C-alpha atoms as a PDB file:
ATOM      1  CA  GLY A   1       5.612  18.364  -3.212  1.00  0.00           C
ATOM      2  CA  PRO A   2       2.333  17.389  -4.834  1.00  0.00           C
ATOM      3  CA  PHE A   3       1.538  14.795  -2.141  1.00  0.00           C
ATOM      4  CA  SER A   4       2.429  16.938   0.882  1.00  0.00           C
ATOM      5  CA  ASP A   5      -1.243  17.223   1.951  1.00  0.00           C
ATOM      6  CA  LEU A   6      -2.204  13.619   1.175  1.00  0.00           C
ATOM      7  CA  ALA A   7      -2.644  12.798   4.871  1.00  0.00           C
ATOM      8  CA  GLU A   8      -5.431  15.381   5.111  1.00  0.00           C
ATOM      9  CA  LEU A   9      -7.705  13.433   2.755  1.00  0.00           C
ATOM     10  CA  GLU A  10     -10.640  11.539   4.281  1.00  0.00           C
ATOM     11  CA  PRO A  11     -13.197   9.074   2.923  1.00  0.00           C
ATOM     12  CA  GLY A  12     -15.782  10.972   0.910  1.00  0.00           C
ATOM     13  CA  ASN A  13     -13.372  13.682  -0.271  1.00  0.00           C
ATOM     14  CA  ARG A  14     -13.235  14.238  -4.027  1.00  0.00           C
ATOM     15  CA  ILE A  15     -10.101  14.226  -6.181  1.00  0.00           C
ATOM     16  CA  GLU A  16      -9.953  15.757  -9.664  1.00  0.00           C
ATOM     17  CA  LEU A  17      -7.283  14.406 -11.970  1.00  0.00           C
ATOM     18  CA  GLY A  18      -6.490  16.394 -15.100  1.00  0.00           C
ATOM     19  CA  THR A  19      -4.946  14.626 -18.093  1.00  0.00           C
ATOM     20  CA  ALA A  20      -4.573  15.302 -21.812  1.00  0.00           C
ATOM     21  CA  ASN A  21      -7.829  13.338 -22.229  1.00  0.00           C
ATOM     22  CA  GLY A  22      -9.830  15.497 -19.831  1.00  0.00           C
ATOM     23  CA  THR A  23     -10.612  15.814 -16.148  1.00  0.00           C
ATOM     24  CA  PHE A  24     -11.635  12.742 -14.170  1.00  0.00           C
ATOM     25  CA  ARG A  25     -13.164  12.689 -10.707  1.00  0.00           C
ATOM     26  CA  TYR A  26     -12.623  10.162  -7.941  1.00  0.00           C
ATOM     27  CA  VAL A  27     -14.056   9.754  -4.432  1.00  0.00           C
ATOM     28  CA  VAL A  28     -11.734   8.751  -1.580  1.00  0.00           C
ATOM     29  CA  GLU A  29     -12.714   5.394  -0.079  1.00  0.00           C
ATOM     30  CA  GLU A  30      -9.759   4.575   2.151  1.00  0.00           C
ATOM     31  CA  VAL A  31      -6.753   6.263   3.741  1.00  0.00           C
ATOM     32  CA  THR A  32      -4.301   3.909   5.424  1.00  0.00           C
ATOM     33  CA  THR A  33      -0.642   3.315   6.231  1.00  0.00           C
ATOM     34  CA  LEU A  34       1.318   0.249   5.196  1.00  0.00           C
ATOM     35  CA  GLU A  35       4.644  -1.220   6.170  1.00  0.00           C
ATOM     36  CA  PRO A  36       6.558  -2.007   2.960  1.00  0.00           C
ATOM     37  CA  GLU A  37       8.035  -5.281   4.205  1.00  0.00           C
ATOM     38  CA  LYS A  38       4.842  -6.620   5.850  1.00  0.00           C
ATOM     39  CA  ASP A  39       1.783  -5.494   3.894  1.00  0.00           C
ATOM     40  CA  GLU A  40       0.539  -6.489   0.454  1.00  0.00           C
ATOM     41  CA  ASP A  41       1.212  -4.488  -2.687  1.00  0.00           C
ATOM     42  CA  VAL A  42      -1.478  -1.881  -3.405  1.00  0.00           C
ATOM     43  CA  ILE A  43      -0.013  -0.679  -6.702  1.00  0.00           C
ATOM     44  CA  GLY A  44      -0.705  -3.781  -8.798  1.00  0.00           C
ATOM     45  CA  ALA A  45      -3.577  -4.279 -11.224  1.00  0.00           C
ATOM     46  CA  THR A  46      -7.130  -4.235  -9.839  1.00  0.00           C
ATOM     47  CA  GLU A  47     -10.527  -5.381 -11.060  1.00  0.00           C
ATOM     48  CA  ASP A  48     -12.096  -1.935 -10.637  1.00  0.00           C
ATOM     49  CA  ASN A  49     -11.483   1.611 -11.849  1.00  0.00           C
ATOM     50  CA  ARG A  50      -9.582   3.211  -8.996  1.00  0.00           C
ATOM     51  CA  LEU A  51      -6.914   5.759  -8.273  1.00  0.00           C
ATOM     52  CA  THR A  52      -4.203   4.765  -5.801  1.00  0.00           C
ATOM     53  CA  LEU A  53      -1.918   7.470  -4.398  1.00  0.00           C
ATOM     54  CA  MET A  54       1.071   6.607  -2.214  1.00  0.00           C
ATOM     55  CA  THR A  55       3.790   8.567  -0.450  1.00  0.00           C
ATOM     56  CA  ALA A  56       6.312   8.109   2.359  1.00  0.00           C
ATOM     57  CA  ASP A  57       5.022   8.301   5.924  1.00  0.00           C
ATOM     58  CA  PRO A  58       6.467  10.200   7.711  1.00  0.00           C
ATOM     59  CA  PRO A  59       7.397  12.546   4.852  1.00  0.00           C
ATOM     60  CA  PHE A  60      10.883  12.055   3.359  1.00  0.00           C
ATOM     61  CA  ARG A  61      11.448   8.788   5.281  1.00  0.00           C
ATOM     62  CA  ALA A  62      10.725   5.319   3.944  1.00  0.00           C
ATOM     63  CA  VAL A  63       9.443   3.913   7.254  1.00  0.00           C
ATOM     64  CA  GLU A  64       5.835   3.362   6.158  1.00  0.00           C
ATOM     65  CA  ARG A  65       3.654   4.297   3.206  1.00  0.00           C
ATOM     66  CA  LEU A  66       0.567   6.497   3.338  1.00  0.00           C
ATOM     67  CA  VAL A  67      -1.952   5.148   0.822  1.00  0.00           C
ATOM     68  CA  VAL A  68      -5.122   6.793  -0.485  1.00  0.00           C
ATOM     69  CA  ILE A  69      -7.518   4.665  -2.545  1.00  0.00           C
ATOM     70  CA  ALA A  70     -10.264   6.447  -4.466  1.00  0.00           C
ATOM     71  CA  ARG A  71     -12.969   5.020  -6.734  1.00  0.00           C
ATOM     72  CA  PHE A  72     -13.894   6.495 -10.087  1.00  0.00           C
ATOM     73  CA  ASP A  73     -16.908   8.786  -9.766  1.00  0.00           C
ATOM     74  CA  ASP A  74     -19.429   7.318 -12.232  1.00  0.00           C
ATOM     75  CA  ASP A  75     -21.496  10.492 -11.950  1.00  0.00           C
ATOM     76  CA  GLN A  76     -19.117  12.674 -14.008  1.00  0.00           C
ATOM     77  CA  GLU A  77     -20.574  15.982 -15.125  1.00  0.00           C
ATOM     78  CA  GLY A  78     -19.750  17.419 -18.552  1.00  0.00           C
END
């Protein structure tokens, strides 16, 4: 699936997100795992412009969640 390589991302990696409004770039700040019953929600509203990606960890099992948080790259070109 589209998130099958999510665990390979590291802080500093760049993500390009294409939408009908254009292409937007983000820089990975954090890669972490969460336990759904113990850890806080990372999907809710935030004060900053970020991209949060989440998938099951390990893949196809709902034991934990792998979360990647990336900040909007203010230095967008073109």
